[in-house]
């Protein structure tokens, strides 16, 4: 019990400040401690440096966004879907190696290369997107056809086995 009575307030260490000492920085960033400014004297004081601000994707080459940017992205995506349709068609017609080669080339950065090329031609983007609505419908039809191709044989086998079981149950049995 004497240990409790020997307590002195000087035994508690002084509180440590969480922020690193930055005497040269007026408004330090919460993350790295760099200058978070500039602060014009009105509104909220800055909390994060330009590198850590919300929505900042970091440094690097930045592209100036154009009005064609969204069209080019959508058109490149439509071309990738068209490649998927072509690969399905090749698989159905019995050319699986060609289908897998097309899929590999498409996955190896085709969409980004097509996007870069389409940025310069808004008219081509519009043409591809108009055709893409037709290919979207066709894609849905092909997807359902493939679904039916996978399910129908299984259902057919089940129906046949069920009929066979029912006919065995309905057959007259010899009396023992």
C-alpha atoms as a PDB file:
ATOM      1  CA  UNK A   1       0.000   0.000   0.000  1.00  0.00           C
ATOM      2  CA  UNK A   2       2.888   2.348   0.378  1.00  0.00           C
ATOM      3  CA  UNK A   3       3.311   2.474  -3.423  1.00  0.00           C
ATOM      4  CA  UNK A   4       0.005   4.340  -3.769  1.00  0.00           C
ATOM      5  CA  UNK A   5       1.005   6.864  -1.144  1.00  0.00           C
ATOM      6  CA  UNK A   6       4.362   7.510  -2.840  1.00  0.00           C
ATOM      7  CA  UNK A   7       2.694   9.052  -5.942  1.00  0.00           C
ATOM      8  CA  UNK A   8       3.980  12.455  -6.966  1.00  0.00           C
ATOM      9  CA  UNK A   9       2.356  14.647  -9.642  1.00  0.00           C
ATOM     10  CA  UNK A  10       5.766  15.073 -11.264  1.00  0.00           C
ATOM     11  CA  UNK A  11       5.697  11.322 -12.166  1.00  0.00           C
ATOM     12  CA  UNK A  12       3.211  12.037 -15.008  1.00  0.00           C
ATOM     13  CA  UNK A  13       5.033  12.868 -18.249  1.00  0.00           C
ATOM     14  CA  UNK A  14       4.056  16.164 -19.876  1.00  0.00           C
ATOM     15  CA  UNK A  15       1.528  15.868 -22.762  1.00  0.00           C
ATOM     16  CA  UNK A  16       3.078  15.501 -26.196  1.00  0.00           C
ATOM     17  CA  UNK A  17       1.836  17.584 -29.100  1.00  0.00           C
ATOM     18  CA  UNK A  18       0.718  15.391 -32.052  1.00  0.00           C
ATOM     19  CA  UNK A  19       1.759  17.836 -34.732  1.00  0.00           C
ATOM     20  CA  UNK A  20       5.437  18.015 -35.666  1.00  0.00           C
ATOM     21  CA  UNK A  21       7.109  21.290 -34.746  1.00  0.00           C
ATOM     22  CA  UNK A  22       6.887  23.510 -37.848  1.00  0.00           C
ATOM     23  CA  UNK A  23       7.676  27.032 -36.812  1.00  0.00           C
ATOM     24  CA  UNK A  24       8.256  28.165 -40.431  1.00  0.00           C
ATOM     25  CA  UNK A  25       4.874  26.864 -41.621  1.00  0.00           C
ATOM     26  CA  UNK A  26       1.856  28.990 -40.775  1.00  0.00           C
ATOM     27  CA  UNK A  27      -0.828  26.388 -41.605  1.00  0.00           C
ATOM     28  CA  UNK A  28       0.670  22.875 -41.685  1.00  0.00           C
ATOM     29  CA  UNK A  29      -0.980  20.032 -43.605  1.00  0.00           C
ATOM     30  CA  UNK A  30      -2.619  17.454 -41.310  1.00  0.00           C
ATOM     31  CA  UNK A  31      -0.907  14.626 -43.190  1.00  0.00           C
ATOM     32  CA  UNK A  32       2.595  15.740 -44.102  1.00  0.00           C
ATOM     33  CA  UNK A  33       3.180  19.005 -42.247  1.00  0.00           C
ATOM     34  CA  UNK A  34       3.935  21.049 -45.386  1.00  0.00           C
ATOM     35  CA  UNK A  35       2.373  24.468 -45.960  1.00  0.00           C
ATOM     36  CA  UNK A  36      -1.374  24.036 -46.503  1.00  0.00           C
ATOM     37  CA  UNK A  37      -1.952  27.623 -47.694  1.00  0.00           C
ATOM     38  CA  UNK A  38      -2.297  30.040 -49.210  1.00  0.00           C
ATOM     39  CA  UNK A  39      -4.803  31.561 -46.825  1.00  0.00           C
ATOM     40  CA  UNK A  40      -6.360  34.863 -47.822  1.00  0.00           C
ATOM     41  CA  UNK A  41      -7.711  35.703 -44.385  1.00  0.00           C
ATOM     42  CA  UNK A  42     -11.352  34.850 -45.125  1.00  0.00           C
ATOM     43  CA  UNK A  43     -13.246  31.617 -44.679  1.00  0.00           C
ATOM     44  CA  UNK A  44     -11.857  28.404 -43.284  1.00  0.00           C
ATOM     45  CA  UNK A  45      -8.164  28.016 -42.808  1.00  0.00           C
ATOM     46  CA  UNK A  46      -6.531  25.431 -45.074  1.00  0.00           C
ATOM     47  CA  UNK A  47      -6.078  21.977 -43.564  1.00  0.00           C
ATOM     48  CA  UNK A  48      -4.371  20.031 -46.367  1.00  0.00           C
ATOM     49  CA  UNK A  49      -1.558  20.888 -48.748  1.00  0.00           C
ATOM     50  CA  UNK A  50      -2.339  20.807 -52.502  1.00  0.00           C
ATOM     51  CA  UNK A  51      -0.952  17.264 -52.711  1.00  0.00           C
ATOM     52  CA  UNK A  52      -3.362  15.871 -50.089  1.00  0.00           C
ATOM     53  CA  UNK A  53      -6.498  17.873 -50.890  1.00  0.00           C
ATOM     54  CA  UNK A  54      -9.656  15.848 -51.451  1.00  0.00           C
ATOM     55  CA  UNK A  55     -10.084  14.935 -55.099  1.00  0.00           C
ATOM     56  CA  UNK A  56      -6.450  15.509 -55.977  1.00  0.00           C
ATOM     57  CA  UNK A  57      -5.107  12.503 -57.852  1.00  0.00           C
ATOM     58  CA  UNK A  58      -1.515  13.438 -57.262  1.00  0.00           C
ATOM     59  CA  UNK A  59       1.048  14.834 -59.572  1.00  0.00           C
ATOM     60  CA  UNK A  60       1.553  13.720 -63.117  1.00  0.00           C
ATOM     61  CA  UNK A  61       0.610  14.717 -66.617  1.00  0.00           C
ATOM     62  CA  UNK A  62      -2.893  16.118 -66.715  1.00  0.00           C
ATOM     63  CA  UNK A  63      -5.026  16.124 -69.825  1.00  0.00           C
ATOM     64  CA  UNK A  64      -7.255  19.066 -70.514  1.00  0.00           C
ATOM     65  CA  UNK A  65     -10.766  17.655 -70.642  1.00  0.00           C
ATOM     66  CA  UNK A  66     -12.642  18.309 -73.845  1.00  0.00           C
ATOM     67  CA  UNK A  67     -16.300  17.979 -74.706  1.00  0.00           C
ATOM     68  CA  UNK A  68     -15.412  14.855 -76.662  1.00  0.00           C
ATOM     69  CA  UNK A  69     -13.874  13.097 -73.650  1.00  0.00           C
ATOM     70  CA  UNK A  70     -17.055  11.315 -72.504  1.00  0.00           C
ATOM     71  CA  UNK A  71     -18.017  10.412 -76.076  1.00  0.00           C
ATOM     72  CA  UNK A  72     -14.572   8.956 -76.750  1.00  0.00           C
ATOM     73  CA  UNK A  73     -14.672   6.922 -73.524  1.00  0.00           C
ATOM     74  CA  UNK A  74     -18.153   5.572 -74.330  1.00  0.00           C
ATOM     75  CA  UNK A  75     -17.201   4.781 -77.949  1.00  0.00           C
ATOM     76  CA  UNK A  76     -14.059   2.908 -76.852  1.00  0.00           C
ATOM     77  CA  UNK A  77     -16.173   0.926 -74.401  1.00  0.00           C
ATOM     78  CA  UNK A  78     -18.666   0.117 -77.182  1.00  0.00           C
ATOM     79  CA  UNK A  79     -15.802  -1.178 -79.331  1.00  0.00           C
ATOM     80  CA  UNK A  80     -14.674  -3.446 -76.504  1.00  0.00           C
ATOM     81  CA  UNK A  81     -18.236  -4.801 -76.248  1.00  0.00           C
ATOM     82  CA  UNK A  82     -18.226  -5.373 -80.008  1.00  0.00           C
ATOM     83  CA  UNK A  83     -15.032  -7.395 -79.612  1.00  0.00           C
ATOM     84  CA  UNK A  84     -16.792  -9.466 -76.952  1.00  0.00           C
ATOM     85  CA  UNK A  85     -19.646 -10.146 -79.372  1.00  0.00           C
ATOM     86  CA  UNK A  86     -17.198 -11.139 -82.083  1.00  0.00           C
ATOM     87  CA  UNK A  87     -15.402 -13.477 -79.663  1.00  0.00           C
ATOM     88  CA  UNK A  88     -18.728 -15.121 -78.727  1.00  0.00           C
ATOM     89  CA  UNK A  89     -19.565 -15.547 -82.400  1.00  0.00           C
ATOM     90  CA  UNK A  90     -16.178 -17.135 -83.025  1.00  0.00           C
ATOM     91  CA  UNK A  91     -16.692 -19.521 -80.103  1.00  0.00           C
ATOM     92  CA  UNK A  92     -20.138 -20.525 -81.396  1.00  0.00           C
ATOM     93  CA  UNK A  93     -18.820 -21.176 -84.911  1.00  0.00           C
ATOM     94  CA  UNK A  94     -16.080 -23.449 -83.554  1.00  0.00           C
ATOM     95  CA  UNK A  95     -13.050 -21.138 -83.608  1.00  0.00           C
ATOM     96  CA  UNK A  96     -12.064 -20.992 -79.908  1.00  0.00           C
ATOM     97  CA  UNK A  97      -8.385 -20.171 -80.501  1.00  0.00           C
ATOM     98  CA  UNK A  98      -9.254 -17.149 -82.632  1.00  0.00           C
ATOM     99  CA  UNK A  99     -11.803 -16.052 -80.019  1.00  0.00           C
ATOM    100  CA  UNK A 100      -9.246 -16.286 -77.213  1.00  0.00           C
ATOM    101  CA  UNK A 101      -6.660 -14.394 -79.309  1.00  0.00           C
ATOM    102  CA  UNK A 102      -9.208 -11.604 -79.879  1.00  0.00           C
ATOM    103  CA  UNK A 103     -10.011 -11.516 -76.161  1.00  0.00           C
ATOM    104  CA  UNK A 104      -6.299 -11.308 -75.243  1.00  0.00           C
ATOM    105  CA  UNK A 105      -5.656  -8.427 -77.631  1.00  0.00           C
ATOM    106  CA  UNK A 106      -8.712  -6.591 -76.337  1.00  0.00           C
ATOM    107  CA  UNK A 107      -7.622  -7.003 -72.705  1.00  0.00           C
ATOM    108  CA  UNK A 108      -4.079  -5.838 -73.498  1.00  0.00           C
ATOM    109  CA  UNK A 109      -4.968  -2.148 -73.464  1.00  0.00           C
ATOM    110  CA  UNK A 110      -7.132  -1.858 -76.587  1.00  0.00           C
ATOM    111  CA  UNK A 111      -9.738   0.327 -74.877  1.00  0.00           C
ATOM    112  CA  UNK A 112      -7.193   2.947 -73.797  1.00  0.00           C
ATOM    113  CA  UNK A 113      -5.558   3.057 -77.242  1.00  0.00           C
ATOM    114  CA  UNK A 114      -8.960   3.380 -78.919  1.00  0.00           C
ATOM    115  CA  UNK A 115      -9.917   6.147 -76.481  1.00  0.00           C
ATOM    116  CA  UNK A 116      -6.768   8.109 -77.292  1.00  0.00           C
ATOM    117  CA  UNK A 117      -7.461   7.763 -81.025  1.00  0.00           C
ATOM    118  CA  UNK A 118     -11.142   8.698 -80.714  1.00  0.00           C
ATOM    119  CA  UNK A 119     -10.461  11.891 -78.762  1.00  0.00           C
ATOM    120  CA  UNK A 120      -9.595  13.657 -82.004  1.00  0.00           C
ATOM    121  CA  UNK A 121     -12.701  12.644 -83.981  1.00  0.00           C
ATOM    122  CA  UNK A 122     -16.103  13.471 -82.426  1.00  0.00           C
ATOM    123  CA  UNK A 123     -17.981  12.450 -85.591  1.00  0.00           C
ATOM    124  CA  UNK A 124     -16.493   8.952 -85.491  1.00  0.00           C
ATOM    125  CA  UNK A 125     -17.407   8.686 -81.799  1.00  0.00           C
ATOM    126  CA  UNK A 126     -21.028   9.551 -82.618  1.00  0.00           C
ATOM    127  CA  UNK A 127     -21.117   6.973 -85.424  1.00  0.00           C
ATOM    128  CA  UNK A 128     -19.737   4.255 -83.159  1.00  0.00           C
ATOM    129  CA  UNK A 129     -22.195   5.119 -80.405  1.00  0.00           C
ATOM    130  CA  UNK A 130     -25.159   5.000 -82.824  1.00  0.00           C
ATOM    131  CA  UNK A 131     -24.044   1.565 -83.996  1.00  0.00           C
ATOM    132  CA  UNK A 132     -23.450   0.578 -80.372  1.00  0.00           C
ATOM    133  CA  UNK A 133     -27.171   0.712 -79.582  1.00  0.00           C
ATOM    134  CA  UNK A 134     -27.783  -1.929 -82.253  1.00  0.00           C
ATOM    135  CA  UNK A 135     -24.887  -4.039 -81.021  1.00  0.00           C
ATOM    136  CA  UNK A 136     -26.219  -3.722 -77.465  1.00  0.00           C
ATOM    137  CA  UNK A 137     -29.524  -5.254 -78.504  1.00  0.00           C
ATOM    138  CA  UNK A 138     -27.713  -7.941 -80.461  1.00  0.00           C
ATOM    139  CA  UNK A 139     -25.466  -8.600 -77.483  1.00  0.00           C
ATOM    140  CA  UNK A 140     -28.467  -9.129 -75.230  1.00  0.00           C
ATOM    141  CA  UNK A 141     -30.037 -11.525 -77.727  1.00  0.00           C
ATOM    142  CA  UNK A 142     -26.800 -13.503 -78.015  1.00  0.00           C
ATOM    143  CA  UNK A 143     -26.460 -13.608 -74.224  1.00  0.00           C
ATOM    144  CA  UNK A 144     -29.954 -15.074 -73.910  1.00  0.00           C
ATOM    145  CA  UNK A 145     -29.266 -17.546 -76.728  1.00  0.00           C
ATOM    146  CA  UNK A 146     -26.135 -18.722 -74.900  1.00  0.00           C
ATOM    147  CA  UNK A 147     -28.121 -18.991 -71.674  1.00  0.00           C
ATOM    148  CA  UNK A 148     -30.714 -21.116 -73.442  1.00  0.00           C
ATOM    149  CA  UNK A 149     -27.934 -23.184 -75.034  1.00  0.00           C
ATOM    150  CA  UNK A 150     -26.584 -23.999 -71.585  1.00  0.00           C
ATOM    151  CA  UNK A 151     -29.923 -24.613 -69.832  1.00  0.00           C
ATOM    152  CA  UNK A 152     -32.045 -26.385 -72.472  1.00  0.00           C
ATOM    153  CA  UNK A 153     -29.913 -29.577 -72.744  1.00  0.00           C
ATOM    154  CA  UNK A 154     -29.951 -29.981 -68.965  1.00  0.00           C
ATOM    155  CA  UNK A 155     -33.706 -29.434 -68.833  1.00  0.00           C
ATOM    156  CA  UNK A 156     -34.190 -31.922 -71.679  1.00  0.00           C
ATOM    157  CA  UNK A 157     -32.218 -34.589 -69.804  1.00  0.00           C
ATOM    158  CA  UNK A 158     -34.261 -33.985 -66.647  1.00  0.00           C
ATOM    159  CA  UNK A 159     -37.539 -34.269 -68.549  1.00  0.00           C
ATOM    160  CA  UNK A 160     -36.408 -37.530 -70.178  1.00  0.00           C
ATOM    161  CA  UNK A 161     -35.317 -39.053 -66.875  1.00  0.00           C
ATOM    162  CA  UNK A 162     -38.539 -37.934 -65.176  1.00  0.00           C
ATOM    163  CA  UNK A 163     -40.651 -39.519 -67.954  1.00  0.00           C
ATOM    164  CA  UNK A 164     -38.645 -42.716 -67.689  1.00  0.00           C
ATOM    165  CA  UNK A 165     -39.184 -42.807 -63.905  1.00  0.00           C
ATOM    166  CA  UNK A 166     -42.910 -42.131 -64.278  1.00  0.00           C
ATOM    167  CA  UNK A 167     -43.308 -44.840 -66.924  1.00  0.00           C
ATOM    168  CA  UNK A 168     -41.552 -47.327 -64.649  1.00  0.00           C
ATOM    169  CA  UNK A 169     -43.900 -46.422 -61.787  1.00  0.00           C
ATOM    170  CA  UNK A 170     -46.981 -46.721 -64.007  1.00  0.00           C
ATOM    171  CA  UNK A 171     -45.972 -50.125 -65.451  1.00  0.00           C
ATOM    172  CA  UNK A 172     -47.902 -53.070 -63.994  1.00  0.00           C
ATOM    173  CA  UNK A 173     -45.906 -55.055 -61.507  1.00  0.00           C
ATOM    174  CA  UNK A 174     -46.033 -58.813 -61.306  1.00  0.00           C
ATOM    175  CA  UNK A 175     -47.731 -60.206 -58.244  1.00  0.00           C
ATOM    176  CA  UNK A 176     -45.406 -62.155 -56.000  1.00  0.00           C
END
